[in-house]
Amino acid sequence: MVKQYQKFAKESAENIVKLADTLVRAKAGLSKEDFDRFCKEVHLEKDGSTFRKLMSIGAKSSRFEPFFNRLPNNWTTLYKLASIDDAKFELVTADADRFQPFMTARDISLILGIPPRSRKAQDHDVVIDLNGLDGDRKREVYQQLQWLKERFGFQLTPGQTLKGIAKTADPAANDNGVPNGTKSEAVA
C-alpha cells in the first residue's frame, strides 16, 4: 500500500509539471488564434492567476524532473518552487526531511529562512465605500471587483459598502442587489 500511495503522489506531481510544460509548449508553438482556442478548450483564462502560475511551472519544468518522487503534488507549492532562483531551489531540495510530496509554501519559506507571512493580511486590507456612486457606477465597480477577484484570487467580503448596489449583473444577487451571503443591512 505504501508503494502504491507513493506512486500516485509521484504521478500527481509529475502530471502537474507535464501539464504546465504542455501549456508553455502550446503557447510557443501555436498561433495566437489556436492558442486562444486551446485555452478555451481546457478552461484556462489567459489573464488569470492559474494560467500565470502554470506558465511559471512549465518554464522551469526541467528543474523538477530529477525530483518527481519527492516533488510536492500541489500546483501552488510547485509555483513557489518555480519562482525561486536556482540556488534557493537547491537549498530546498537538499532538505530531505521537508522536501516531500506534502510540503507547503510555508515549508519552503522556513527552509529559506523567510519568516512566514501572517494569515491575517490586516496591513493590506482595504474597504471600498461605494456610497457616493450612483447605481450604474456601483454596478460597474462591482463587476470590476469580480473580475479582479478572479484575476488575482483574493476574497471579496461584501458588507455595508455593497449595500447600495441595486440590481447588479451578478446572478447570485438577491432582490436588493446585494450578493447572496452578504450583509444587506447598514452597520451604524
N, C-alpha and C. Protein backbone atom coordinates (compact mmCIF):
# COMPACT_ATOMS: atom_id res chain seq x y z
N MET A 1 0.81 -1.20 0.00
CA MET A 1 0.00 0.00 0.00
C MET A 1 0.86 1.27 0.00
N VAL A 2 1.97 1.25 0.75
CA VAL A 2 2.85 2.41 0.81
C VAL A 2 3.40 2.71 -0.57
N LYS A 3 3.85 1.68 -1.28
CA LYS A 3 4.41 1.85 -2.63
C LYS A 3 3.36 2.44 -3.57
N GLN A 4 2.13 1.96 -3.48
CA GLN A 4 1.05 2.46 -4.33
C GLN A 4 0.78 3.93 -4.03
N TYR A 5 0.73 4.27 -2.77
CA TYR A 5 0.50 5.65 -2.35
C TYR A 5 1.60 6.57 -2.89
N GLN A 6 2.85 6.16 -2.70
CA GLN A 6 3.98 6.95 -3.18
C GLN A 6 3.97 7.09 -4.70
N LYS A 7 3.56 6.03 -5.37
CA LYS A 7 3.48 6.06 -6.84
C LYS A 7 2.46 7.11 -7.29
N PHE A 8 1.30 7.15 -6.64
CA PHE A 8 0.28 8.12 -7.02
C PHE A 8 0.71 9.55 -6.69
N ALA A 9 1.40 9.74 -5.56
CA ALA A 9 1.89 11.07 -5.21
C ALA A 9 2.90 11.54 -6.26
N LYS A 10 3.81 10.66 -6.65
CA LYS A 10 4.81 10.99 -7.67
C LYS A 10 4.12 11.32 -9.00
N GLU A 11 3.17 10.49 -9.38
CA GLU A 11 2.47 10.72 -10.66
C GLU A 11 1.69 12.03 -10.63
N SER A 12 1.13 12.38 -9.48
CA SER A 12 0.39 13.64 -9.38
C SER A 12 1.30 14.82 -9.64
N ALA A 13 2.45 14.86 -8.98
CA ALA A 13 3.40 15.95 -9.17
C ALA A 13 3.91 15.97 -10.62
N GLU A 14 4.25 14.81 -11.12
CA GLU A 14 4.75 14.71 -12.50
C GLU A 14 3.70 15.21 -13.49
N ASN A 15 2.46 14.85 -13.27
CA ASN A 15 1.39 15.28 -14.18
C ASN A 15 1.18 16.79 -14.14
N ILE A 16 1.30 17.39 -12.97
CA ILE A 16 1.16 18.84 -12.88
C ILE A 16 2.26 19.52 -13.68
N VAL A 17 3.49 19.04 -13.51
CA VAL A 17 4.62 19.62 -14.25
C VAL A 17 4.44 19.42 -15.75
N LYS A 18 4.02 18.24 -16.15
CA LYS A 18 3.84 17.96 -17.59
C LYS A 18 2.69 18.77 -18.17
N LEU A 19 1.64 18.96 -17.39
CA LEU A 19 0.52 19.80 -17.82
C LEU A 19 1.01 21.23 -18.05
N ALA A 20 1.80 21.74 -17.10
CA ALA A 20 2.33 23.10 -17.22
C ALA A 20 3.29 23.21 -18.40
N ASP A 21 4.11 22.19 -18.60
CA ASP A 21 5.04 22.18 -19.73
C ASP A 21 4.27 22.17 -21.05
N THR A 22 3.19 21.43 -21.10
CA THR A 22 2.35 21.41 -22.30
C THR A 22 1.79 22.79 -22.59
N LEU A 23 1.39 23.50 -21.56
CA LEU A 23 0.87 24.86 -21.73
C LEU A 23 1.94 25.77 -22.32
N VAL A 24 3.16 25.68 -21.79
CA VAL A 24 4.26 26.51 -22.30
C VAL A 24 4.54 26.17 -23.77
N ARG A 25 4.58 24.87 -24.09
CA ARG A 25 4.84 24.47 -25.47
C ARG A 25 3.71 24.88 -26.41
N ALA A 26 2.48 24.83 -25.91
CA ALA A 26 1.34 25.27 -26.74
C ALA A 26 1.44 26.76 -27.03
N LYS A 27 1.79 27.54 -26.03
CA LYS A 27 1.93 28.99 -26.23
C LYS A 27 3.03 29.30 -27.23
N ALA A 28 4.12 28.56 -27.15
CA ALA A 28 5.26 28.81 -28.04
C ALA A 28 4.99 28.29 -29.46
N GLY A 29 4.24 27.22 -29.58
CA GLY A 29 4.10 26.56 -30.88
C GLY A 29 2.84 26.84 -31.66
N LEU A 30 1.83 27.36 -31.01
CA LEU A 30 0.55 27.59 -31.69
C LEU A 30 0.42 29.05 -32.09
N SER A 31 -0.38 29.27 -33.11
CA SER A 31 -0.71 30.66 -33.46
C SER A 31 -1.53 31.25 -32.33
N LYS A 32 -1.65 32.56 -32.32
CA LYS A 32 -2.44 33.22 -31.26
C LYS A 32 -3.87 32.69 -31.25
N GLU A 33 -4.45 32.55 -32.42
CA GLU A 33 -5.84 32.07 -32.50
C GLU A 33 -5.96 30.63 -31.99
N ASP A 34 -5.00 29.77 -32.41
CA ASP A 34 -5.03 28.38 -31.96
C ASP A 34 -4.78 28.28 -30.45
N PHE A 35 -3.88 29.13 -29.94
CA PHE A 35 -3.62 29.11 -28.51
C PHE A 35 -4.83 29.60 -27.73
N ASP A 36 -5.50 30.62 -28.25
CA ASP A 36 -6.74 31.09 -27.61
C ASP A 36 -7.76 29.97 -27.55
N ARG A 37 -7.89 29.22 -28.65
CA ARG A 37 -8.82 28.11 -28.71
C ARG A 37 -8.39 27.01 -27.72
N PHE A 38 -7.10 26.73 -27.67
CA PHE A 38 -6.56 25.75 -26.73
C PHE A 38 -6.96 26.11 -25.30
N CYS A 39 -6.71 27.36 -24.92
CA CYS A 39 -7.04 27.82 -23.56
C CYS A 39 -8.53 27.70 -23.29
N LYS A 40 -9.33 28.05 -24.28
CA LYS A 40 -10.78 27.95 -24.11
C LYS A 40 -11.20 26.50 -23.90
N GLU A 41 -10.62 25.59 -24.67
CA GLU A 41 -10.99 24.18 -24.57
C GLU A 41 -10.56 23.54 -23.25
N VAL A 42 -9.46 24.04 -22.67
CA VAL A 42 -9.02 23.49 -21.38
C VAL A 42 -9.51 24.33 -20.21
N HIS A 43 -10.38 25.31 -20.52
CA HIS A 43 -10.99 26.17 -19.50
C HIS A 43 -9.95 26.91 -18.66
N LEU A 44 -9.05 27.59 -19.36
CA LEU A 44 -8.00 28.33 -18.69
C LEU A 44 -8.01 29.76 -19.18
N GLU A 45 -8.18 30.70 -18.25
CA GLU A 45 -8.21 32.12 -18.61
C GLU A 45 -6.78 32.65 -18.69
N LYS A 46 -6.43 33.21 -19.84
CA LYS A 46 -5.06 33.66 -20.06
C LYS A 46 -4.66 34.82 -19.15
N ASP A 47 -5.59 35.54 -18.61
CA ASP A 47 -5.23 36.64 -17.71
C ASP A 47 -5.43 36.25 -16.24
N GLY A 48 -5.65 34.98 -15.98
CA GLY A 48 -5.89 34.53 -14.62
C GLY A 48 -4.62 34.08 -13.91
N SER A 49 -4.70 33.97 -12.60
CA SER A 49 -3.54 33.58 -11.81
C SER A 49 -3.16 32.11 -12.05
N THR A 50 -4.13 31.26 -12.32
CA THR A 50 -3.82 29.86 -12.59
C THR A 50 -2.95 29.75 -13.84
N PHE A 51 -3.32 30.46 -14.89
CA PHE A 51 -2.53 30.46 -16.12
C PHE A 51 -1.12 30.93 -15.84
N ARG A 52 -0.99 32.05 -15.14
CA ARG A 52 0.31 32.63 -14.84
C ARG A 52 1.17 31.65 -14.05
N LYS A 53 0.59 31.00 -13.06
CA LYS A 53 1.35 30.07 -12.23
C LYS A 53 1.75 28.83 -13.02
N LEU A 54 0.84 28.31 -13.83
CA LEU A 54 1.17 27.14 -14.64
C LEU A 54 2.26 27.46 -15.66
N MET A 55 2.23 28.66 -16.21
CA MET A 55 3.28 29.07 -17.15
C MET A 55 4.63 29.12 -16.44
N SER A 56 4.67 29.60 -15.22
CA SER A 56 5.92 29.65 -14.45
C SER A 56 6.44 28.24 -14.17
N ILE A 57 5.55 27.35 -13.79
CA ILE A 57 5.94 25.96 -13.53
C ILE A 57 6.47 25.32 -14.82
N GLY A 58 5.74 25.52 -15.91
CA GLY A 58 6.15 24.93 -17.19
C GLY A 58 7.48 25.46 -17.68
N ALA A 59 7.75 26.73 -17.43
CA ALA A 59 9.02 27.32 -17.85
C ALA A 59 10.20 26.70 -17.11
N LYS A 60 9.95 26.16 -15.93
CA LYS A 60 11.00 25.55 -15.12
C LYS A 60 10.85 24.04 -15.04
N SER A 61 10.13 23.44 -15.96
CA SER A 61 9.82 22.01 -15.86
C SER A 61 11.06 21.13 -15.78
N SER A 62 12.12 21.48 -16.48
CA SER A 62 13.32 20.63 -16.45
C SER A 62 13.96 20.60 -15.06
N ARG A 63 13.77 21.64 -14.29
CA ARG A 63 14.31 21.69 -12.92
C ARG A 63 13.65 20.64 -12.04
N PHE A 64 12.41 20.30 -12.34
CA PHE A 64 11.65 19.40 -11.48
C PHE A 64 11.86 17.92 -11.79
N GLU A 65 12.27 17.61 -13.01
CA GLU A 65 12.34 16.21 -13.45
C GLU A 65 13.12 15.28 -12.53
N PRO A 66 14.29 15.68 -12.01
CA PRO A 66 15.02 14.75 -11.13
C PRO A 66 14.34 14.50 -9.78
N PHE A 67 13.30 15.26 -9.48
CA PHE A 67 12.70 15.21 -8.14
C PHE A 67 11.25 14.72 -8.13
N PHE A 68 10.79 14.10 -9.21
CA PHE A 68 9.38 13.70 -9.28
C PHE A 68 8.96 12.83 -8.08
N ASN A 69 9.85 12.01 -7.57
CA ASN A 69 9.46 11.13 -6.46
C ASN A 69 9.32 11.87 -5.13
N ARG A 70 9.88 13.09 -5.01
CA ARG A 70 9.79 13.87 -3.77
C ARG A 70 9.05 15.18 -3.96
N LEU A 71 8.70 15.50 -5.17
CA LEU A 71 8.12 16.80 -5.51
C LEU A 71 6.75 16.98 -4.88
N PRO A 72 6.46 18.18 -4.36
CA PRO A 72 5.12 18.45 -3.83
C PRO A 72 4.08 18.25 -4.94
N ASN A 73 2.97 17.64 -4.59
CA ASN A 73 1.95 17.38 -5.61
C ASN A 73 0.81 18.39 -5.53
N ASN A 74 1.18 19.63 -5.30
CA ASN A 74 0.23 20.74 -5.23
C ASN A 74 0.76 21.85 -6.15
N TRP A 75 -0.06 22.28 -7.10
CA TRP A 75 0.45 23.21 -8.11
C TRP A 75 0.81 24.57 -7.54
N THR A 76 0.18 25.00 -6.45
CA THR A 76 0.55 26.30 -5.89
C THR A 76 1.92 26.22 -5.19
N THR A 77 2.22 25.07 -4.57
CA THR A 77 3.54 24.89 -3.98
C THR A 77 4.59 24.75 -5.07
N LEU A 78 4.25 24.06 -6.14
CA LEU A 78 5.17 23.96 -7.28
C LEU A 78 5.44 25.34 -7.87
N TYR A 79 4.44 26.19 -7.88
CA TYR A 79 4.64 27.55 -8.38
C TYR A 79 5.68 28.28 -7.52
N LYS A 80 5.57 28.13 -6.22
CA LYS A 80 6.55 28.78 -5.34
C LYS A 80 7.95 28.25 -5.64
N LEU A 81 8.07 26.94 -5.86
CA LEU A 81 9.37 26.37 -6.21
C LEU A 81 9.86 26.87 -7.57
N ALA A 82 8.95 27.10 -8.49
CA ALA A 82 9.33 27.60 -9.82
C ALA A 82 9.77 29.06 -9.75
N SER A 83 9.27 29.79 -8.78
CA SER A 83 9.53 31.22 -8.73
C SER A 83 10.80 31.60 -7.97
N ILE A 84 11.47 30.62 -7.36
CA ILE A 84 12.72 30.93 -6.65
C ILE A 84 13.91 30.66 -7.56
N ASP A 85 15.03 31.31 -7.27
CA ASP A 85 16.21 31.13 -8.12
C ASP A 85 16.85 29.75 -7.89
N ASP A 86 17.80 29.40 -8.75
CA ASP A 86 18.40 28.07 -8.72
C ASP A 86 19.07 27.74 -7.39
N ALA A 87 19.80 28.70 -6.82
CA ALA A 87 20.49 28.44 -5.55
C ALA A 87 19.49 28.14 -4.43
N LYS A 88 18.41 28.89 -4.38
CA LYS A 88 17.39 28.64 -3.35
C LYS A 88 16.69 27.31 -3.60
N PHE A 89 16.45 26.98 -4.88
CA PHE A 89 15.83 25.70 -5.21
C PHE A 89 16.72 24.55 -4.73
N GLU A 90 18.03 24.66 -4.93
CA GLU A 90 18.96 23.62 -4.47
C GLU A 90 18.92 23.50 -2.95
N LEU A 91 18.80 24.62 -2.27
CA LEU A 91 18.72 24.60 -0.81
C LEU A 91 17.46 23.86 -0.35
N VAL A 92 16.35 24.11 -1.01
CA VAL A 92 15.09 23.44 -0.66
C VAL A 92 15.18 21.95 -0.93
N THR A 93 15.67 21.58 -2.10
CA THR A 93 15.73 20.14 -2.45
C THR A 93 16.72 19.38 -1.58
N ALA A 94 17.68 20.07 -0.99
CA ALA A 94 18.66 19.42 -0.11
C ALA A 94 18.08 19.09 1.26
N ASP A 95 16.96 19.68 1.61
CA ASP A 95 16.32 19.43 2.91
C ASP A 95 15.45 18.17 2.80
N ALA A 96 16.09 17.01 3.05
CA ALA A 96 15.42 15.73 2.86
C ALA A 96 14.20 15.54 3.76
N ASP A 97 14.22 16.17 4.92
CA ASP A 97 13.09 16.00 5.84
C ASP A 97 11.84 16.74 5.38
N ARG A 98 12.02 17.91 4.78
CA ARG A 98 10.85 18.72 4.43
C ARG A 98 10.51 18.69 2.94
N PHE A 99 11.46 18.39 2.09
CA PHE A 99 11.19 18.35 0.64
C PHE A 99 10.51 17.03 0.31
N GLN A 100 9.20 17.02 0.47
CA GLN A 100 8.38 15.82 0.32
C GLN A 100 7.08 16.19 -0.40
N PRO A 101 6.32 15.20 -0.86
CA PRO A 101 5.09 15.47 -1.62
C PRO A 101 4.07 16.37 -0.93
N PHE A 102 4.03 16.39 0.40
CA PHE A 102 3.02 17.21 1.06
C PHE A 102 3.59 18.48 1.67
N MET A 103 4.78 18.89 1.22
CA MET A 103 5.32 20.15 1.73
C MET A 103 4.46 21.30 1.23
N THR A 104 4.51 22.39 1.94
CA THR A 104 3.71 23.56 1.60
C THR A 104 4.62 24.74 1.26
N ALA A 105 4.03 25.80 0.77
CA ALA A 105 4.79 27.02 0.50
C ALA A 105 5.40 27.55 1.80
N ARG A 106 4.71 27.35 2.90
CA ARG A 106 5.24 27.76 4.21
C ARG A 106 6.52 27.00 4.52
N ASP A 107 6.54 25.70 4.22
CA ASP A 107 7.75 24.91 4.44
C ASP A 107 8.92 25.47 3.62
N ILE A 108 8.64 25.87 2.39
CA ILE A 108 9.68 26.44 1.54
C ILE A 108 10.23 27.71 2.18
N SER A 109 9.35 28.56 2.66
CA SER A 109 9.78 29.79 3.33
C SER A 109 10.64 29.48 4.54
N LEU A 110 10.25 28.50 5.33
CA LEU A 110 11.02 28.14 6.52
C LEU A 110 12.41 27.62 6.14
N ILE A 111 12.49 26.80 5.11
CA ILE A 111 13.79 26.28 4.66
C ILE A 111 14.69 27.44 4.23
N LEU A 112 14.11 28.43 3.57
CA LEU A 112 14.88 29.56 3.06
C LEU A 112 15.12 30.64 4.12
N GLY A 113 14.59 30.42 5.32
CA GLY A 113 14.80 31.39 6.40
C GLY A 113 13.95 32.64 6.25
N ILE A 114 12.87 32.53 5.49
CA ILE A 114 11.96 33.66 5.29
C ILE A 114 10.84 33.52 6.31
N PRO A 115 10.63 34.53 7.14
CA PRO A 115 9.52 34.42 8.11
C PRO A 115 8.20 34.27 7.36
N PRO A 116 7.39 33.31 7.76
CA PRO A 116 6.10 33.12 7.09
C PRO A 116 5.22 34.34 7.26
N ARG A 117 4.48 34.63 6.21
CA ARG A 117 3.53 35.75 6.27
C ARG A 117 2.39 35.38 7.18
N SER A 118 1.90 36.37 7.86
CA SER A 118 0.74 36.16 8.73
C SER A 118 -0.46 35.80 7.88
N ARG A 119 -1.28 34.91 8.38
CA ARG A 119 -2.50 34.55 7.66
C ARG A 119 -3.47 35.73 7.61
N LYS A 120 -3.32 36.64 8.56
CA LYS A 120 -4.16 37.83 8.57
C LYS A 120 -3.40 38.95 7.90
N ALA A 121 -3.86 39.35 6.74
CA ALA A 121 -3.17 40.41 5.99
C ALA A 121 -3.79 41.76 6.32
N GLN A 122 -3.92 42.05 7.61
CA GLN A 122 -4.59 43.27 8.02
C GLN A 122 -3.90 44.51 7.50
N ASP A 123 -2.58 44.44 7.32
CA ASP A 123 -1.86 45.60 6.81
C ASP A 123 -2.25 45.91 5.37
N HIS A 124 -2.86 44.96 4.69
CA HIS A 124 -3.19 45.13 3.28
C HIS A 124 -4.69 45.12 3.00
N ASP A 125 -5.48 45.00 4.03
CA ASP A 125 -6.92 45.00 3.84
C ASP A 125 -7.38 46.39 3.39
N VAL A 126 -8.40 46.41 2.59
CA VAL A 126 -8.97 47.68 2.15
C VAL A 126 -10.49 47.63 2.29
N VAL A 127 -11.07 48.78 2.43
CA VAL A 127 -12.52 48.92 2.43
C VAL A 127 -12.85 49.86 1.29
N ILE A 128 -13.77 49.43 0.47
CA ILE A 128 -14.19 50.25 -0.67
C ILE A 128 -15.60 50.72 -0.39
N ASP A 129 -15.76 52.03 -0.27
CA ASP A 129 -17.06 52.61 0.03
C ASP A 129 -17.68 53.09 -1.28
N LEU A 130 -18.79 52.47 -1.67
CA LEU A 130 -19.46 52.80 -2.92
C LEU A 130 -20.63 53.77 -2.71
N ASN A 131 -20.82 54.25 -1.49
CA ASN A 131 -21.98 55.07 -1.19
C ASN A 131 -22.08 56.35 -2.01
N GLY A 132 -20.97 56.90 -2.46
CA GLY A 132 -21.02 58.14 -3.22
C GLY A 132 -21.29 57.94 -4.70
N LEU A 133 -21.48 56.71 -5.13
CA LEU A 133 -21.70 56.43 -6.56
C LEU A 133 -23.16 56.18 -6.85
N ASP A 134 -23.57 56.50 -8.08
CA ASP A 134 -24.94 56.17 -8.47
C ASP A 134 -25.02 54.68 -8.82
N GLY A 135 -26.21 54.18 -9.04
CA GLY A 135 -26.45 52.76 -9.28
C GLY A 135 -25.64 52.17 -10.41
N ASP A 136 -25.57 52.87 -11.56
CA ASP A 136 -24.82 52.35 -12.69
C ASP A 136 -23.34 52.23 -12.37
N ARG A 137 -22.78 53.24 -11.72
CA ARG A 137 -21.36 53.22 -11.37
C ARG A 137 -21.07 52.12 -10.33
N LYS A 138 -22.01 51.93 -9.39
CA LYS A 138 -21.83 50.87 -8.40
C LYS A 138 -21.80 49.50 -9.07
N ARG A 139 -22.70 49.29 -10.02
CA ARG A 139 -22.71 48.02 -10.75
C ARG A 139 -21.41 47.82 -11.50
N GLU A 140 -20.93 48.88 -12.13
CA GLU A 140 -19.68 48.81 -12.89
C GLU A 140 -18.50 48.47 -11.96
N VAL A 141 -18.44 49.14 -10.81
CA VAL A 141 -17.36 48.87 -9.86
C VAL A 141 -17.47 47.43 -9.36
N TYR A 142 -18.66 46.98 -9.05
CA TYR A 142 -18.85 45.62 -8.56
C TYR A 142 -18.39 44.61 -9.61
N GLN A 143 -18.73 44.84 -10.87
CA GLN A 143 -18.31 43.93 -11.94
C GLN A 143 -16.78 43.91 -12.06
N GLN A 144 -16.16 45.08 -11.93
CA GLN A 144 -14.70 45.15 -12.00
C GLN A 144 -14.07 44.44 -10.79
N LEU A 145 -14.67 44.58 -9.62
CA LEU A 145 -14.17 43.88 -8.44
C LEU A 145 -14.26 42.36 -8.64
N GLN A 146 -15.34 41.90 -9.24
CA GLN A 146 -15.49 40.47 -9.52
C GLN A 146 -14.39 40.01 -10.48
N TRP A 147 -14.12 40.83 -11.50
CA TRP A 147 -13.06 40.50 -12.47
C TRP A 147 -11.70 40.44 -11.77
N LEU A 148 -11.40 41.44 -10.92
CA LEU A 148 -10.14 41.46 -10.19
C LEU A 148 -10.04 40.27 -9.24
N LYS A 149 -11.15 39.91 -8.62
CA LYS A 149 -11.18 38.77 -7.72
C LYS A 149 -10.77 37.50 -8.48
N GLU A 150 -11.32 37.31 -9.67
CA GLU A 150 -10.98 36.15 -10.48
C GLU A 150 -9.52 36.19 -10.92
N ARG A 151 -9.06 37.37 -11.31
CA ARG A 151 -7.70 37.51 -11.83
C ARG A 151 -6.64 37.29 -10.76
N PHE A 152 -6.86 37.85 -9.56
CA PHE A 152 -5.84 37.79 -8.53
C PHE A 152 -6.12 36.78 -7.42
N GLY A 153 -7.32 36.22 -7.40
CA GLY A 153 -7.64 35.18 -6.43
C GLY A 153 -7.86 35.65 -5.01
N PHE A 154 -8.19 36.93 -4.81
CA PHE A 154 -8.46 37.39 -3.46
C PHE A 154 -9.91 37.14 -3.10
N GLN A 155 -10.21 37.30 -1.83
CA GLN A 155 -11.58 37.12 -1.35
C GLN A 155 -12.29 38.45 -1.33
N LEU A 156 -13.51 38.44 -1.73
CA LEU A 156 -14.35 39.62 -1.68
C LEU A 156 -15.35 39.38 -0.56
N THR A 157 -15.30 40.21 0.46
CA THR A 157 -16.19 40.06 1.61
C THR A 157 -17.11 41.26 1.64
N PRO A 158 -18.20 41.18 0.90
CA PRO A 158 -19.12 42.32 0.85
C PRO A 158 -19.79 42.54 2.20
N GLY A 159 -20.08 43.75 2.46
CA GLY A 159 -20.78 44.11 3.69
C GLY A 159 -21.54 45.39 3.44
N GLN A 160 -21.43 46.31 4.34
CA GLN A 160 -22.20 47.54 4.23
C GLN A 160 -21.82 48.33 2.99
N THR A 161 -20.57 48.25 2.52
CA THR A 161 -20.16 49.06 1.39
C THR A 161 -20.83 48.61 0.09
N LEU A 162 -21.34 47.38 0.05
CA LEU A 162 -22.03 46.93 -1.15
C LEU A 162 -23.55 47.04 -1.02
N LYS A 163 -24.01 47.60 0.10
CA LYS A 163 -25.44 47.69 0.35
C LYS A 163 -26.18 48.44 -0.73
N GLY A 164 -25.56 49.51 -1.22
CA GLY A 164 -26.27 50.35 -2.17
C GLY A 164 -26.29 49.84 -3.59
N ILE A 165 -25.73 48.70 -3.87
CA ILE A 165 -25.75 48.19 -5.24
C ILE A 165 -27.13 47.62 -5.52
N ALA A 166 -27.80 48.23 -6.46
CA ALA A 166 -29.16 47.78 -6.79
C ALA A 166 -29.14 47.03 -8.11
N LYS A 167 -29.73 45.86 -8.12
CA LYS A 167 -29.88 45.07 -9.34
C LYS A 167 -28.55 44.92 -10.09
N THR A 168 -27.56 44.31 -9.43
CA THR A 168 -26.27 44.10 -10.09
C THR A 168 -26.44 43.07 -11.19
N ALA A 169 -25.43 42.97 -12.00
CA ALA A 169 -25.43 41.96 -13.05
C ALA A 169 -25.10 40.59 -12.48
N ASP A 170 -24.83 40.53 -11.18
CA ASP A 170 -24.48 39.27 -10.54
C ASP A 170 -25.74 38.42 -10.39
N PRO A 171 -25.79 37.25 -11.05
CA PRO A 171 -26.98 36.41 -10.95
C PRO A 171 -27.17 35.84 -9.56
N ALA A 172 -26.13 35.87 -8.73
CA ALA A 172 -26.26 35.35 -7.38
C ALA A 172 -26.76 36.42 -6.41
N ALA A 173 -27.11 37.58 -6.92
CA ALA A 173 -27.57 38.65 -6.04
C ALA A 173 -29.04 38.43 -5.68
N ASN A 174 -29.40 38.90 -4.49
CA ASN A 174 -30.80 38.81 -4.10
C ASN A 174 -31.56 40.01 -4.63
N ASP A 175 -32.84 40.15 -4.26
CA ASP A 175 -33.63 41.21 -4.89
C ASP A 175 -33.22 42.62 -4.53
N ASN A 176 -32.42 42.82 -3.50
CA ASN A 176 -31.97 44.19 -3.26
C ASN A 176 -30.61 44.47 -3.91
N GLY A 177 -30.12 43.49 -4.72
CA GLY A 177 -28.91 43.70 -5.49
C GLY A 177 -27.64 43.34 -4.77
N VAL A 178 -27.74 42.94 -3.51
CA VAL A 178 -26.55 42.59 -2.75
C VAL A 178 -26.30 41.10 -2.97
N PRO A 179 -25.04 40.72 -3.25
CA PRO A 179 -24.76 39.31 -3.48
C PRO A 179 -25.22 38.45 -2.31
N ASN A 180 -25.76 37.29 -2.63
CA ASN A 180 -26.24 36.38 -1.59
C ASN A 180 -25.11 36.04 -0.64
N GLY A 181 -25.45 35.86 0.63
CA GLY A 181 -24.48 35.54 1.64
C GLY A 181 -23.78 36.76 2.21
N THR A 182 -24.24 37.96 1.86
CA THR A 182 -23.63 39.15 2.40
C THR A 182 -24.62 39.88 3.26
N LYS A 183 -24.09 40.82 4.05
CA LYS A 183 -24.98 41.64 4.87
C LYS A 183 -25.66 42.67 3.99
N SER A 184 -26.93 42.78 4.10
CA SER A 184 -27.60 43.82 3.33
C SER A 184 -28.03 44.99 4.21
N GLU A 185 -27.86 44.82 5.51
CA GLU A 185 -28.26 45.92 6.39
C GLU A 185 -27.06 46.81 6.65
N ALA A 186 -27.32 48.07 6.80
CA ALA A 186 -26.23 49.01 7.08
C ALA A 186 -25.77 48.82 8.51
N VAL A 187 -24.48 49.01 8.72
CA VAL A 187 -23.94 48.94 10.06
C VAL A 187 -23.71 50.36 10.53
N ALA A 188 -24.28 50.69 11.67
CA ALA A 188 -24.19 52.07 12.15
C ALA A 188 -22.81 52.39 12.64
